[in-house]
Amino acid sequence: MEGGFASGSGSGAGADPNAHPDWRSELSEEGRQRIVNKIMETLKRHLPVPVPEGLIELQKIASRFEEKIYNSAFSQKFYFFLEFLEKKQNTSKRMQCRKSFSI
């Protein structure tokens, strides 16, 4: 399943019956791949791998993680919350880095 996604929308365990039922069909494969790439970049920053086989494994991990979030998200807003959390985490790290250099 390298870089691929499961077919079908999957209702997820915490699905909200009041949520828009078609939000998954509105999300393009490119949008999902963009999220996988961001997850992949985060993994590479925290888990550096010296061999190409390690990068392939990180790609599989990123794809599985995105798929789990995609299938369990009850709305597109919740799915994209993942992207927001990543941006917030990166901002916090930059601020901590600046503080440590200014001391």
C-alpha atoms as a PDB file:
ATOM      1  CA  MET A   1       0.000   0.000   0.000  1.00  0.00           C
ATOM      2  CA  GLU A   2       2.869   2.329  -0.691  1.00  0.00           C
ATOM      3  CA  GLY A   3       1.439   5.837  -0.822  1.00  0.00           C
ATOM      4  CA  GLY A   4      -2.000   4.384  -1.537  1.00  0.00           C
ATOM      5  CA  PHE A   5      -5.176   4.793   0.370  1.00  0.00           C
ATOM      6  CA  ALA A   6      -7.930   2.381   1.277  1.00  0.00           C
ATOM      7  CA  SER A   7     -10.947   2.560  -0.960  1.00  0.00           C
ATOM      8  CA  GLY A   8     -14.331   3.355   0.501  1.00  0.00           C
ATOM      9  CA  SER A   9     -15.177   6.046   2.933  1.00  0.00           C
ATOM     10  CA  GLY A  10     -15.158   4.025   6.136  1.00  0.00           C
ATOM     11  CA  SER A  11     -17.397   5.341   8.837  1.00  0.00           C
ATOM     12  CA  GLY A  12     -14.875   5.187  11.659  1.00  0.00           C
ATOM     13  CA  ALA A  13     -15.624   4.258  15.242  1.00  0.00           C
ATOM     14  CA  GLY A  14     -16.424   7.800  16.348  1.00  0.00           C
ATOM     15  CA  ALA A  15     -18.477   8.781  13.316  1.00  0.00           C
ATOM     16  CA  ASP A  16     -20.981  11.568  13.904  1.00  0.00           C
ATOM     17  CA  PRO A  17     -24.264  10.767  12.159  1.00  0.00           C
ATOM     18  CA  ASN A  18     -24.990  14.518  11.860  1.00  0.00           C
ATOM     19  CA  ALA A  19     -21.744  15.250  10.009  1.00  0.00           C
ATOM     20  CA  HIS A  20     -21.801  15.753   6.238  1.00  0.00           C
ATOM     21  CA  PRO A  21     -21.681  12.161   4.939  1.00  0.00           C
ATOM     22  CA  ASP A  22     -19.831  13.019   1.726  1.00  0.00           C
ATOM     23  CA  TRP A  23     -16.879  14.988   3.111  1.00  0.00           C
ATOM     24  CA  ARG A  24     -14.477  12.164   2.237  1.00  0.00           C
ATOM     25  CA  SER A  25     -15.571  12.197  -1.401  1.00  0.00           C
ATOM     26  CA  GLU A  26     -14.854  15.946  -1.533  1.00  0.00           C
ATOM     27  CA  LEU A  27     -11.218  15.475  -0.500  1.00  0.00           C
ATOM     28  CA  SER A  28      -8.875  14.853  -3.420  1.00  0.00           C
ATOM     29  CA  GLU A  29      -6.133  12.236  -3.483  1.00  0.00           C
ATOM     30  CA  GLU A  30      -3.677  15.133  -3.893  1.00  0.00           C
ATOM     31  CA  GLY A  31      -4.941  16.687  -0.661  1.00  0.00           C
ATOM     32  CA  ARG A  32      -4.505  13.432   1.183  1.00  0.00           C
ATOM     33  CA  GLN A  33      -1.040  12.952  -0.289  1.00  0.00           C
ATOM     34  CA  ARG A  34      -0.093  16.461   0.871  1.00  0.00           C
ATOM     35  CA  ILE A  35      -1.005  15.451   4.436  1.00  0.00           C
ATOM     36  CA  VAL A  36       1.001  12.213   4.092  1.00  0.00           C
ATOM     37  CA  ASN A  37       3.999  14.233   2.869  1.00  0.00           C
ATOM     38  CA  LYS A  38       3.763  16.562   5.874  1.00  0.00           C
ATOM     39  CA  ILE A  39       3.595  13.580   8.217  1.00  0.00           C
ATOM     40  CA  MET A  40       6.582  12.097   6.387  1.00  0.00           C
ATOM     41  CA  GLU A  41       8.617  15.305   6.833  1.00  0.00           C
ATOM     42  CA  THR A  42       7.821  15.314  10.544  1.00  0.00           C
ATOM     43  CA  LEU A  43       8.869  11.678  10.881  1.00  0.00           C
ATOM     44  CA  LYS A  44      12.144  12.342   9.038  1.00  0.00           C
ATOM     45  CA  ARG A  45      12.943  15.233  11.386  1.00  0.00           C
ATOM     46  CA  HIS A  46      12.412  13.102  14.467  1.00  0.00           C
ATOM     47  CA  LEU A  47      13.531   9.710  13.162  1.00  0.00           C
ATOM     48  CA  PRO A  48      16.477  10.187  10.809  1.00  0.00           C
ATOM     49  CA  VAL A  49      17.160   7.050   8.779  1.00  0.00           C
ATOM     50  CA  PRO A  50      20.500   6.367   7.094  1.00  0.00           C
ATOM     51  CA  VAL A  51      19.283   3.867   4.475  1.00  0.00           C
ATOM     52  CA  PRO A  52      16.708   4.071   1.659  1.00  0.00           C
ATOM     53  CA  GLU A  53      14.820   1.105   3.118  1.00  0.00           C
ATOM     54  CA  GLY A  54      14.183   3.223   6.211  1.00  0.00           C
ATOM     55  CA  LEU A  55      12.586   5.939   4.082  1.00  0.00           C
ATOM     56  CA  ILE A  56      10.280   3.382   2.506  1.00  0.00           C
ATOM     57  CA  GLU A  57       9.237   2.214   5.962  1.00  0.00           C
ATOM     58  CA  LEU A  58       8.635   5.811   7.122  1.00  0.00           C
ATOM     59  CA  GLN A  59       6.452   6.354   4.035  1.00  0.00           C
ATOM     60  CA  LYS A  60       4.380   3.299   4.959  1.00  0.00           C
ATOM     61  CA  ILE A  61       4.007   4.555   8.530  1.00  0.00           C
ATOM     62  CA  ALA A  62       2.935   8.015   7.347  1.00  0.00           C
ATOM     63  CA  SER A  63       0.383   6.522   4.948  1.00  0.00           C
ATOM     64  CA  ARG A  64      -1.082   4.236   7.605  1.00  0.00           C
ATOM     65  CA  PHE A  65      -1.288   7.092  10.108  1.00  0.00           C
ATOM     66  CA  GLU A  66      -3.078   9.364   7.626  1.00  0.00           C
ATOM     67  CA  GLU A  67      -5.451   6.549   6.704  1.00  0.00           C
ATOM     68  CA  LYS A  68      -6.373   5.941  10.339  1.00  0.00           C
ATOM     69  CA  ILE A  69      -7.082   9.636  10.881  1.00  0.00           C
ATOM     70  CA  TYR A  70      -9.033   9.795   7.611  1.00  0.00           C
ATOM     71  CA  ASN A  71     -11.182   6.781   8.497  1.00  0.00           C
ATOM     72  CA  SER A  72     -11.856   7.829  12.083  1.00  0.00           C
ATOM     73  CA  ALA A  73     -12.485  11.535  11.437  1.00  0.00           C
ATOM     74  CA  PHE A  74     -16.148  12.439  11.747  1.00  0.00           C
ATOM     75  CA  SER A  75     -15.746  15.561   9.636  1.00  0.00           C
ATOM     76  CA  GLN A  76     -13.329  17.232   7.259  1.00  0.00           C
ATOM     77  CA  LYS A  77     -12.759  19.902   9.894  1.00  0.00           C
ATOM     78  CA  PHE A  78     -11.489  17.261  12.318  1.00  0.00           C
ATOM     79  CA  TYR A  79      -9.302  15.715   9.610  1.00  0.00           C
ATOM     80  CA  PHE A  80      -7.659  19.057   8.853  1.00  0.00           C
ATOM     81  CA  PHE A  81      -7.175  19.688  12.577  1.00  0.00           C
ATOM     82  CA  LEU A  82      -4.197  17.351  12.170  1.00  0.00           C
ATOM     83  CA  GLU A  83      -2.567  19.863   9.847  1.00  0.00           C
ATOM     84  CA  PHE A  84      -3.250  22.701  12.319  1.00  0.00           C
ATOM     85  CA  LEU A  85      -1.634  20.754  15.164  1.00  0.00           C
ATOM     86  CA  GLU A  86       1.486  20.208  13.100  1.00  0.00           C
ATOM     87  CA  LYS A  87       1.792  23.906  12.303  1.00  0.00           C
ATOM     88  CA  LYS A  88       1.310  24.810  15.950  1.00  0.00           C
ATOM     89  CA  GLN A  89       3.942  22.282  17.006  1.00  0.00           C
ATOM     90  CA  ASN A  90       6.447  23.660  14.494  1.00  0.00           C
ATOM     91  CA  THR A  91       5.842  27.237  15.682  1.00  0.00           C
ATOM     92  CA  SER A  92       6.386  26.217  19.307  1.00  0.00           C
ATOM     93  CA  LYS A  93       9.659  24.509  18.430  1.00  0.00           C
ATOM     94  CA  ARG A  94      10.945  27.583  16.579  1.00  0.00           C
ATOM     95  CA  MET A  95      10.077  29.807  19.544  1.00  0.00           C
ATOM     96  CA  GLN A  96      11.869  27.462  21.954  1.00  0.00           C
ATOM     97  CA  CYS A  97      14.910  27.418  19.695  1.00  0.00           C
ATOM     98  CA  ARG A  98      15.021  31.223  19.540  1.00  0.00           C
ATOM     99  CA  LYS A  99      14.746  31.460  23.335  1.00  0.00           C
ATOM    100  CA  SER A 100      17.632  29.048  23.828  1.00  0.00           C
ATOM    101  CA  PHE A 101      19.874  31.049  21.489  1.00  0.00           C
ATOM    102  CA  SER A 102      19.003  34.389  23.089  1.00  0.00           C
ATOM    103  CA  ILE A 103      20.119  33.306  26.555  1.00  0.00           C
END
